[in-house]
Amino acid sequence: MMATVRAKSKIYLVTDPTKAPTKYIGTLRLIQFNSGKIRINGNLFKLRRGYHGIHFHPNPDLGDGCKAAGRKLIVQNITVPESEAKNDGDLGSIYANKHGLARVNIYRKGVLSFDPPADLFRRSIVIHATVEEDLEKVPNADPNLLPLFRTRIACGLIAPRNVKG
């Protein structure tokens, strides 16, 4: 029987896009249940009102305004349909209200886990300025806008919390 695995990620707001963020805005808790399902929950503060993309990224590095975290996580060496592999690290979106509060409660099941090859303990969580998929909804969208949709506004490292058998 698999143990319930718990982790946390302290999230920091980017205030200087050339440095690692240091302004703490909340903690996300991650729990992997015996079923393999992962829950990510917590509250984040001081975000701009609206929807924000949230993803797992491969590198445990918050430098360069969270850009050092790398591209969105794609788990290698796992046989899954290509459409699933592209979205390994995609956790969807979160909404920040007019007070800047985002209540996060996400469930994911699939190839993600705290064991290799996904090994979420060696990863980061990144919050984006907006939801990338929104660009597809804009008629005749300017592809030059894509960098705005990929802008990283906050991030955190995933660290073990405790393990219960």
N, C-alpha and C. Protein backbone atom coordinates (compact mmCIF):
# COMPACT_ATOMS: atom_id res chain seq x y z
N MET A 1 0.84 -1.18 0.00
CA MET A 1 0.00 0.00 0.00
C MET A 1 0.88 1.25 0.00
N MET A 2 0.57 2.18 -0.89
CA MET A 2 1.32 3.42 -1.00
C MET A 2 1.03 4.33 0.19
N ALA A 3 2.05 5.00 0.68
CA ALA A 3 1.87 5.94 1.79
C ALA A 3 1.27 7.25 1.28
N THR A 4 0.54 7.94 2.15
CA THR A 4 0.07 9.28 1.81
C THR A 4 1.27 10.21 1.92
N VAL A 5 1.54 10.94 0.86
CA VAL A 5 2.70 11.82 0.81
C VAL A 5 2.23 13.27 0.88
N ARG A 6 2.90 14.05 1.71
CA ARG A 6 2.52 15.45 1.89
C ARG A 6 3.71 16.35 1.58
N ALA A 7 3.40 17.46 0.92
CA ALA A 7 4.43 18.44 0.58
C ALA A 7 3.82 19.83 0.69
N LYS A 8 4.68 20.83 0.59
CA LYS A 8 4.19 22.20 0.59
C LYS A 8 5.05 23.03 -0.35
N SER A 9 4.50 24.15 -0.76
CA SER A 9 5.24 25.08 -1.59
C SER A 9 4.92 26.49 -1.13
N LYS A 10 5.91 27.16 -0.57
CA LYS A 10 5.75 28.57 -0.21
C LYS A 10 5.87 29.37 -1.50
N ILE A 11 4.86 30.19 -1.77
CA ILE A 11 4.80 30.92 -3.03
C ILE A 11 5.23 32.37 -2.81
N TYR A 12 6.06 32.87 -3.73
CA TYR A 12 6.61 34.22 -3.65
C TYR A 12 6.27 35.01 -4.91
N LEU A 13 5.87 36.25 -4.73
CA LEU A 13 5.49 37.15 -5.82
C LEU A 13 6.72 37.75 -6.47
N VAL A 14 6.73 37.78 -7.81
CA VAL A 14 7.83 38.39 -8.54
C VAL A 14 7.71 39.91 -8.44
N THR A 15 8.72 40.55 -7.91
CA THR A 15 8.75 42.02 -7.85
C THR A 15 9.86 42.58 -8.72
N ASP A 16 10.86 41.75 -9.04
CA ASP A 16 11.94 42.13 -9.94
C ASP A 16 12.15 40.96 -10.89
N PRO A 17 11.83 41.12 -12.19
CA PRO A 17 11.90 40.00 -13.12
C PRO A 17 13.31 39.47 -13.38
N THR A 18 14.33 40.08 -12.80
CA THR A 18 15.70 39.60 -12.99
C THR A 18 16.22 38.82 -11.79
N LYS A 19 15.41 38.75 -10.72
CA LYS A 19 15.87 38.08 -9.49
C LYS A 19 14.85 37.06 -9.00
N ALA A 20 15.29 36.20 -8.10
CA ALA A 20 14.36 35.26 -7.46
C ALA A 20 13.38 36.06 -6.59
N PRO A 21 12.10 35.71 -6.62
CA PRO A 21 11.12 36.45 -5.82
C PRO A 21 11.30 36.21 -4.32
N THR A 22 10.98 37.23 -3.52
CA THR A 22 11.13 37.11 -2.06
C THR A 22 9.89 37.55 -1.30
N LYS A 23 8.88 38.07 -1.98
CA LYS A 23 7.67 38.57 -1.30
C LYS A 23 6.68 37.41 -1.13
N TYR A 24 6.59 36.90 0.09
CA TYR A 24 5.75 35.74 0.40
C TYR A 24 4.27 36.10 0.25
N ILE A 25 3.51 35.24 -0.49
CA ILE A 25 2.08 35.50 -0.69
C ILE A 25 1.19 34.31 -0.31
N GLY A 26 1.76 33.25 0.24
CA GLY A 26 0.94 32.13 0.68
C GLY A 26 1.63 30.79 0.49
N THR A 27 1.01 29.75 1.03
CA THR A 27 1.55 28.39 0.94
C THR A 27 0.52 27.47 0.31
N LEU A 28 0.97 26.65 -0.64
CA LEU A 28 0.12 25.61 -1.21
C LEU A 28 0.53 24.29 -0.59
N ARG A 29 -0.45 23.49 -0.21
CA ARG A 29 -0.21 22.16 0.34
C ARG A 29 -0.52 21.12 -0.73
N LEU A 30 0.33 20.13 -0.84
CA LEU A 30 0.15 19.06 -1.81
C LEU A 30 0.04 17.74 -1.06
N ILE A 31 -0.96 16.95 -1.41
CA ILE A 31 -1.15 15.64 -0.80
C ILE A 31 -1.36 14.63 -1.91
N GLN A 32 -0.58 13.54 -1.89
CA GLN A 32 -0.82 12.44 -2.80
C GLN A 32 -1.47 11.32 -2.00
N PHE A 33 -2.70 10.99 -2.39
CA PHE A 33 -3.46 9.95 -1.69
C PHE A 33 -3.06 8.57 -2.18
N ASN A 34 -3.46 7.55 -1.44
CA ASN A 34 -3.15 6.16 -1.82
C ASN A 34 -3.65 5.83 -3.21
N SER A 35 -4.72 6.47 -3.66
CA SER A 35 -5.28 6.23 -4.99
C SER A 35 -4.39 6.80 -6.10
N GLY A 36 -3.40 7.62 -5.74
CA GLY A 36 -2.54 8.26 -6.73
C GLY A 36 -2.97 9.69 -7.03
N LYS A 37 -4.18 10.04 -6.65
CA LYS A 37 -4.68 11.40 -6.89
C LYS A 37 -3.90 12.39 -6.04
N ILE A 38 -3.62 13.55 -6.62
CA ILE A 38 -2.90 14.62 -5.92
C ILE A 38 -3.84 15.80 -5.72
N ARG A 39 -3.83 16.35 -4.51
CA ARG A 39 -4.61 17.54 -4.20
C ARG A 39 -3.65 18.69 -3.90
N ILE A 40 -3.92 19.84 -4.52
CA ILE A 40 -3.15 21.05 -4.25
C ILE A 40 -4.14 22.07 -3.70
N ASN A 41 -3.91 22.54 -2.47
CA ASN A 41 -4.84 23.53 -1.92
C ASN A 41 -4.10 24.55 -1.05
N GLY A 42 -4.76 25.68 -0.86
CA GLY A 42 -4.22 26.76 -0.05
C GLY A 42 -4.76 28.09 -0.53
N ASN A 43 -4.32 29.15 0.10
CA ASN A 43 -4.73 30.50 -0.28
C ASN A 43 -3.51 31.31 -0.68
N LEU A 44 -3.66 32.07 -1.76
CA LEU A 44 -2.62 32.98 -2.21
C LEU A 44 -3.17 34.40 -2.15
N PHE A 45 -2.34 35.35 -1.76
CA PHE A 45 -2.75 36.73 -1.57
C PHE A 45 -1.97 37.66 -2.50
N LYS A 46 -2.47 38.85 -2.70
CA LYS A 46 -1.77 39.91 -3.43
C LYS A 46 -1.61 39.64 -4.92
N LEU A 47 -2.49 38.78 -5.49
CA LEU A 47 -2.46 38.56 -6.94
C LEU A 47 -3.36 39.59 -7.61
N ARG A 48 -3.07 39.89 -8.87
CA ARG A 48 -3.92 40.77 -9.65
C ARG A 48 -5.25 40.05 -9.90
N ARG A 49 -6.35 40.80 -9.85
CA ARG A 49 -7.67 40.22 -10.05
C ARG A 49 -7.76 39.53 -11.42
N GLY A 50 -8.35 38.34 -11.44
CA GLY A 50 -8.56 37.62 -12.69
C GLY A 50 -8.05 36.19 -12.60
N TYR A 51 -8.09 35.52 -13.76
CA TYR A 51 -7.64 34.14 -13.85
C TYR A 51 -6.14 34.09 -14.12
N HIS A 52 -5.50 33.11 -13.51
CA HIS A 52 -4.06 32.92 -13.66
C HIS A 52 -3.79 31.44 -13.91
N GLY A 53 -2.93 31.14 -14.89
CA GLY A 53 -2.51 29.77 -15.11
C GLY A 53 -1.62 29.32 -13.96
N ILE A 54 -1.70 28.02 -13.64
CA ILE A 54 -0.84 27.45 -12.60
C ILE A 54 -0.30 26.13 -13.13
N HIS A 55 1.01 25.96 -13.02
CA HIS A 55 1.67 24.78 -13.59
C HIS A 55 2.78 24.27 -12.68
N PHE A 56 3.08 22.97 -12.85
CA PHE A 56 4.33 22.41 -12.33
C PHE A 56 5.39 22.70 -13.39
N HIS A 57 6.58 23.09 -12.93
CA HIS A 57 7.71 23.31 -13.83
C HIS A 57 8.85 22.41 -13.36
N PRO A 58 9.75 22.01 -14.28
CA PRO A 58 10.72 20.95 -13.95
C PRO A 58 11.86 21.33 -13.02
N ASN A 59 12.30 22.57 -13.02
CA ASN A 59 13.50 22.92 -12.27
C ASN A 59 13.19 23.49 -10.88
N PRO A 60 13.91 23.04 -9.85
CA PRO A 60 13.73 23.59 -8.50
C PRO A 60 14.55 24.87 -8.33
N ASP A 61 14.25 25.86 -9.17
CA ASP A 61 15.03 27.09 -9.19
C ASP A 61 14.07 28.26 -9.47
N LEU A 62 14.04 29.24 -8.58
CA LEU A 62 13.12 30.37 -8.71
C LEU A 62 13.80 31.62 -9.29
N GLY A 63 15.06 31.50 -9.68
CA GLY A 63 15.81 32.65 -10.16
C GLY A 63 15.24 33.28 -11.41
N ASP A 64 15.74 34.47 -11.71
CA ASP A 64 15.38 35.18 -12.93
C ASP A 64 13.87 35.39 -13.04
N GLY A 65 13.24 35.82 -11.94
CA GLY A 65 11.80 36.07 -11.94
C GLY A 65 10.98 34.83 -12.24
N CYS A 66 11.42 33.69 -11.74
CA CYS A 66 10.78 32.37 -11.90
C CYS A 66 11.07 31.71 -13.25
N LYS A 67 11.77 32.39 -14.15
CA LYS A 67 12.06 31.80 -15.46
C LYS A 67 13.03 30.62 -15.35
N ALA A 68 13.86 30.60 -14.31
CA ALA A 68 14.81 29.49 -14.12
C ALA A 68 14.09 28.18 -13.79
N ALA A 69 12.81 28.23 -13.51
CA ALA A 69 12.03 27.00 -13.26
C ALA A 69 11.85 26.18 -14.53
N GLY A 70 12.17 26.78 -15.68
CA GLY A 70 12.08 26.06 -16.95
C GLY A 70 10.67 26.12 -17.54
N ARG A 71 10.49 25.34 -18.60
CA ARG A 71 9.19 25.27 -19.27
C ARG A 71 8.23 24.43 -18.45
N LYS A 72 6.99 24.37 -18.86
CA LYS A 72 5.99 23.55 -18.17
C LYS A 72 6.45 22.09 -18.14
N LEU A 73 6.23 21.42 -17.01
CA LEU A 73 6.68 20.04 -16.80
C LEU A 73 6.04 19.08 -17.79
N ILE A 74 6.89 18.29 -18.45
CA ILE A 74 6.45 17.16 -19.26
C ILE A 74 7.24 15.97 -18.74
N VAL A 75 6.54 14.97 -18.22
CA VAL A 75 7.20 13.81 -17.64
C VAL A 75 7.72 12.92 -18.77
N GLN A 76 9.01 12.62 -18.74
CA GLN A 76 9.65 11.80 -19.77
C GLN A 76 9.60 10.32 -19.39
N ASN A 77 9.84 9.48 -20.37
CA ASN A 77 9.96 8.03 -20.17
C ASN A 77 8.70 7.37 -19.62
N ILE A 78 7.56 7.94 -19.94
CA ILE A 78 6.30 7.32 -19.55
C ILE A 78 5.47 7.16 -20.82
N THR A 79 4.91 5.99 -21.01
CA THR A 79 4.09 5.74 -22.18
C THR A 79 2.68 6.23 -21.93
N VAL A 80 2.38 7.40 -22.45
CA VAL A 80 1.03 7.97 -22.36
C VAL A 80 0.71 8.60 -23.71
N PRO A 81 -0.56 8.78 -24.01
CA PRO A 81 -0.90 9.46 -25.26
C PRO A 81 -0.23 10.84 -25.31
N GLU A 82 0.17 11.25 -26.51
CA GLU A 82 0.88 12.52 -26.66
C GLU A 82 0.08 13.68 -26.10
N SER A 83 -1.23 13.66 -26.25
CA SER A 83 -2.06 14.76 -25.75
C SER A 83 -1.96 14.90 -24.24
N GLU A 84 -1.82 13.78 -23.52
CA GLU A 84 -1.67 13.82 -22.06
C GLU A 84 -0.29 14.31 -21.67
N ALA A 85 0.74 13.85 -22.40
CA ALA A 85 2.12 14.21 -22.06
C ALA A 85 2.33 15.71 -22.13
N LYS A 86 1.67 16.37 -23.07
CA LYS A 86 1.83 17.81 -23.21
C LYS A 86 1.28 18.56 -22.01
N ASN A 87 0.38 17.94 -21.27
CA ASN A 87 -0.31 18.64 -20.19
C ASN A 87 0.04 18.12 -18.81
N ASP A 88 1.13 17.38 -18.65
CA ASP A 88 1.51 16.85 -17.34
C ASP A 88 1.53 17.93 -16.27
N GLY A 89 2.18 19.04 -16.57
CA GLY A 89 2.35 20.08 -15.57
C GLY A 89 1.23 21.10 -15.50
N ASP A 90 0.26 21.00 -16.39
CA ASP A 90 -0.83 21.98 -16.44
C ASP A 90 -1.85 21.68 -15.35
N LEU A 91 -2.00 22.60 -14.42
CA LEU A 91 -2.95 22.43 -13.31
C LEU A 91 -4.20 23.27 -13.51
N GLY A 92 -4.34 23.87 -14.69
CA GLY A 92 -5.53 24.66 -14.98
C GLY A 92 -5.32 26.11 -14.59
N SER A 93 -6.37 26.69 -14.00
CA SER A 93 -6.28 28.10 -13.63
C SER A 93 -6.85 28.32 -12.23
N ILE A 94 -6.44 29.44 -11.65
CA ILE A 94 -6.97 29.87 -10.35
C ILE A 94 -7.52 31.28 -10.56
N TYR A 95 -8.44 31.69 -9.70
CA TYR A 95 -9.05 33.01 -9.82
C TYR A 95 -8.74 33.84 -8.58
N ALA A 96 -8.21 35.03 -8.81
CA ALA A 96 -7.96 35.98 -7.71
C ALA A 96 -9.09 37.00 -7.72
N ASN A 97 -9.72 37.19 -6.56
CA ASN A 97 -10.84 38.12 -6.46
C ASN A 97 -10.35 39.57 -6.39
N LYS A 98 -11.28 40.51 -6.20
CA LYS A 98 -10.92 41.94 -6.20
C LYS A 98 -9.97 42.32 -5.06
N HIS A 99 -9.87 41.44 -4.06
CA HIS A 99 -8.95 41.67 -2.94
C HIS A 99 -7.60 41.00 -3.16
N GLY A 100 -7.43 40.32 -4.31
CA GLY A 100 -6.18 39.64 -4.61
C GLY A 100 -6.06 38.25 -4.02
N LEU A 101 -7.17 37.72 -3.47
CA LEU A 101 -7.17 36.39 -2.85
C LEU A 101 -7.56 35.32 -3.86
N ALA A 102 -6.73 34.29 -3.97
CA ALA A 102 -7.04 33.12 -4.79
C ALA A 102 -7.11 31.91 -3.87
N ARG A 103 -8.27 31.28 -3.82
CA ARG A 103 -8.44 30.04 -3.05
C ARG A 103 -8.18 28.88 -4.00
N VAL A 104 -7.13 28.12 -3.72
CA VAL A 104 -6.70 27.05 -4.61
C VAL A 104 -7.18 25.71 -4.06
N ASN A 105 -7.82 24.93 -4.93
CA ASN A 105 -8.27 23.58 -4.57
C ASN A 105 -8.32 22.76 -5.86
N ILE A 106 -7.22 22.10 -6.18
CA ILE A 106 -7.06 21.39 -7.44
C ILE A 106 -6.81 19.91 -7.16
N TYR A 107 -7.44 19.04 -7.94
CA TYR A 107 -7.19 17.60 -7.89
C TYR A 107 -6.65 17.17 -9.24
N ARG A 108 -5.59 16.34 -9.24
CA ARG A 108 -5.03 15.80 -10.48
C ARG A 108 -4.74 14.32 -10.28
N LYS A 109 -5.00 13.55 -11.30
CA LYS A 109 -4.65 12.14 -11.31
C LYS A 109 -4.02 11.85 -12.65
N GLY A 110 -3.05 11.00 -12.68
CA GLY A 110 -2.38 10.67 -13.93
C GLY A 110 -0.94 10.28 -13.65
N VAL A 111 -0.03 10.81 -14.47
CA VAL A 111 1.38 10.42 -14.37
C VAL A 111 2.13 11.18 -13.28
N LEU A 112 1.50 12.20 -12.70
CA LEU A 112 2.17 12.98 -11.66
C LEU A 112 2.23 12.22 -10.34
N SER A 113 3.38 12.28 -9.68
CA SER A 113 3.52 11.67 -8.36
C SER A 113 4.80 12.22 -7.71
N PHE A 114 5.01 11.83 -6.47
CA PHE A 114 6.23 12.24 -5.77
C PHE A 114 7.35 11.23 -5.99
N ASP A 115 7.08 10.19 -6.76
CA ASP A 115 8.08 9.18 -7.10
C ASP A 115 8.59 9.45 -8.51
N PRO A 116 9.79 8.91 -8.86
CA PRO A 116 10.29 9.06 -10.22
C PRO A 116 9.32 8.39 -11.21
N PRO A 117 9.22 8.86 -12.43
CA PRO A 117 10.03 9.92 -13.02
C PRO A 117 9.49 11.33 -12.78
N ALA A 118 8.25 11.50 -12.36
CA ALA A 118 7.72 12.86 -12.15
C ALA A 118 8.43 13.54 -10.98
N ASP A 119 8.63 12.82 -9.87
CA ASP A 119 9.39 13.28 -8.71
C ASP A 119 9.11 14.75 -8.37
N LEU A 120 7.89 15.04 -7.96
CA LEU A 120 7.48 16.42 -7.71
C LEU A 120 8.29 17.12 -6.63
N PHE A 121 9.01 16.37 -5.79
CA PHE A 121 9.85 17.02 -4.78
C PHE A 121 11.00 17.81 -5.42
N ARG A 122 11.32 17.51 -6.64
CA ARG A 122 12.42 18.18 -7.33
C ARG A 122 11.88 19.16 -8.38
N ARG A 123 10.74 19.77 -8.09
CA ARG A 123 10.07 20.64 -9.06
C ARG A 123 9.66 21.97 -8.43
N SER A 124 9.01 22.80 -9.22
CA SER A 124 8.49 24.07 -8.73
C SER A 124 7.06 24.26 -9.24
N ILE A 125 6.35 25.19 -8.60
CA ILE A 125 5.02 25.60 -9.03
C ILE A 125 5.13 27.04 -9.49
N VAL A 126 4.55 27.34 -10.65
CA VAL A 126 4.60 28.70 -11.19
C VAL A 126 3.18 29.20 -11.43
N ILE A 127 2.94 30.44 -11.03
CA ILE A 127 1.67 31.13 -11.29
C ILE A 127 1.95 32.12 -12.42
N HIS A 128 1.09 32.09 -13.45
CA HIS A 128 1.27 32.95 -14.62
C HIS A 128 0.33 34.15 -14.58
N ALA A 129 0.68 35.19 -15.33
CA ALA A 129 -0.09 36.43 -15.32
C ALA A 129 -1.53 36.23 -15.75
N THR A 130 -1.75 35.32 -16.67
CA THR A 130 -3.10 35.05 -17.16
C THR A 130 -3.15 33.62 -17.65
N VAL A 131 -4.25 33.22 -18.25
CA VAL A 131 -4.41 31.84 -18.71
C VAL A 131 -4.08 31.80 -20.20
N GLU A 132 -3.06 31.03 -20.56
CA GLU A 132 -2.57 30.95 -21.93
C GLU A 132 -3.67 30.58 -22.91
N GLU A 133 -4.55 29.69 -22.50
CA GLU A 133 -5.60 29.21 -23.39
C GLU A 133 -6.56 30.34 -23.78
N ASP A 134 -6.61 31.41 -22.99
CA ASP A 134 -7.48 32.53 -23.31
C ASP A 134 -7.11 33.16 -24.65
N LEU A 135 -5.85 33.08 -25.04
CA LEU A 135 -5.41 33.66 -26.30
C LEU A 135 -6.14 33.00 -27.47
N GLU A 136 -6.42 31.70 -27.35
CA GLU A 136 -7.11 30.99 -28.42
C GLU A 136 -8.54 31.47 -28.60
N LYS A 137 -9.13 32.09 -27.58
CA LYS A 137 -10.51 32.56 -27.64
C LYS A 137 -10.62 33.93 -28.30
N VAL A 138 -9.49 34.60 -28.52
CA VAL A 138 -9.50 35.94 -29.10
C VAL A 138 -9.46 35.82 -30.62
N PRO A 139 -10.51 36.31 -31.33
CA PRO A 139 -10.49 36.24 -32.79
C PRO A 139 -9.30 37.01 -33.36
N ASN A 140 -8.62 36.43 -34.31
CA ASN A 140 -7.46 37.05 -34.97
C ASN A 140 -6.43 37.56 -33.95
N ALA A 141 -6.18 36.75 -32.94
CA ALA A 141 -5.24 37.14 -31.87
C ALA A 141 -3.85 37.35 -32.44
N ASP A 142 -3.20 38.36 -31.94
CA ASP A 142 -1.84 38.68 -32.33
C ASP A 142 -0.89 37.71 -31.63
N PRO A 143 -0.15 36.87 -32.39
CA PRO A 143 0.77 35.92 -31.75
C PRO A 143 1.85 36.61 -30.92
N ASN A 144 2.07 37.91 -31.14
CA ASN A 144 3.05 38.64 -30.35
C ASN A 144 2.59 38.82 -28.91
N LEU A 145 1.30 38.56 -28.64
CA LEU A 145 0.78 38.67 -27.28
C LEU A 145 1.15 37.47 -26.42
N LEU A 146 1.58 36.36 -27.05
CA LEU A 146 1.85 35.13 -26.30
C LEU A 146 2.83 35.32 -25.15
N PRO A 147 3.89 36.13 -25.28
CA PRO A 147 4.78 36.31 -24.12
C PRO A 147 4.05 36.85 -22.89
N LEU A 148 3.06 37.72 -23.07
CA LEU A 148 2.28 38.23 -21.95
C LEU A 148 1.57 37.08 -21.24
N PHE A 149 1.05 36.14 -22.02
CA PHE A 149 0.32 35.02 -21.46
C PHE A 149 1.25 34.06 -20.73
N ARG A 150 2.53 34.12 -21.02
CA ARG A 150 3.49 33.23 -20.36
C ARG A 150 4.24 33.93 -19.23
N THR A 151 3.92 35.18 -18.95
CA THR A 151 4.60 35.93 -17.91
C THR A 151 4.40 35.26 -16.55
N ARG A 152 5.49 35.08 -15.83
CA ARG A 152 5.45 34.43 -14.51
C ARG A 152 5.36 35.49 -13.43
N ILE A 153 4.35 35.39 -12.59
CA ILE A 153 4.16 36.41 -11.57
C ILE A 153 4.47 35.92 -10.16
N ALA A 154 4.53 34.61 -9.98
CA ALA A 154 4.83 34.04 -8.65
C ALA A 154 5.28 32.60 -8.83
N CYS A 155 6.02 32.10 -7.83
CA CYS A 155 6.47 30.71 -7.90
C CYS A 155 6.94 30.24 -6.53
N GLY A 156 7.14 28.93 -6.42
CA GLY A 156 7.63 28.34 -5.19
C GLY A 156 8.21 26.96 -5.43
N LEU A 157 9.11 26.54 -4.56
CA LEU A 157 9.69 25.20 -4.62
C LEU A 157 8.80 24.22 -3.87
N ILE A 158 8.75 22.98 -4.34
CA ILE A 158 7.97 21.94 -3.67
C ILE A 158 8.90 21.20 -2.71
N ALA A 159 8.52 21.18 -1.43
CA ALA A 159 9.35 20.56 -0.39
C ALA A 159 8.53 19.55 0.39
N PRO A 160 9.16 18.45 0.85
CA PRO A 160 8.44 17.46 1.66
C PRO A 160 7.90 18.07 2.95
N ARG A 161 6.73 17.62 3.36
CA ARG A 161 6.17 18.05 4.64
C ARG A 161 6.28 16.93 5.65
N ASN A 162 5.72 15.78 5.34
CA ASN A 162 5.88 14.58 6.16
C ASN A 162 5.32 13.39 5.40
N VAL A 163 5.58 12.20 5.88
CA VAL A 163 5.08 10.98 5.24
C VAL A 163 4.37 10.16 6.29
N LYS A 164 3.17 9.70 5.97
CA LYS A 164 2.42 8.82 6.87
C LYS A 164 2.15 7.51 6.15
N GLY A 165 2.39 6.40 6.84
CA GLY A 165 2.22 5.09 6.22
C GLY A 165 0.84 4.56 6.23
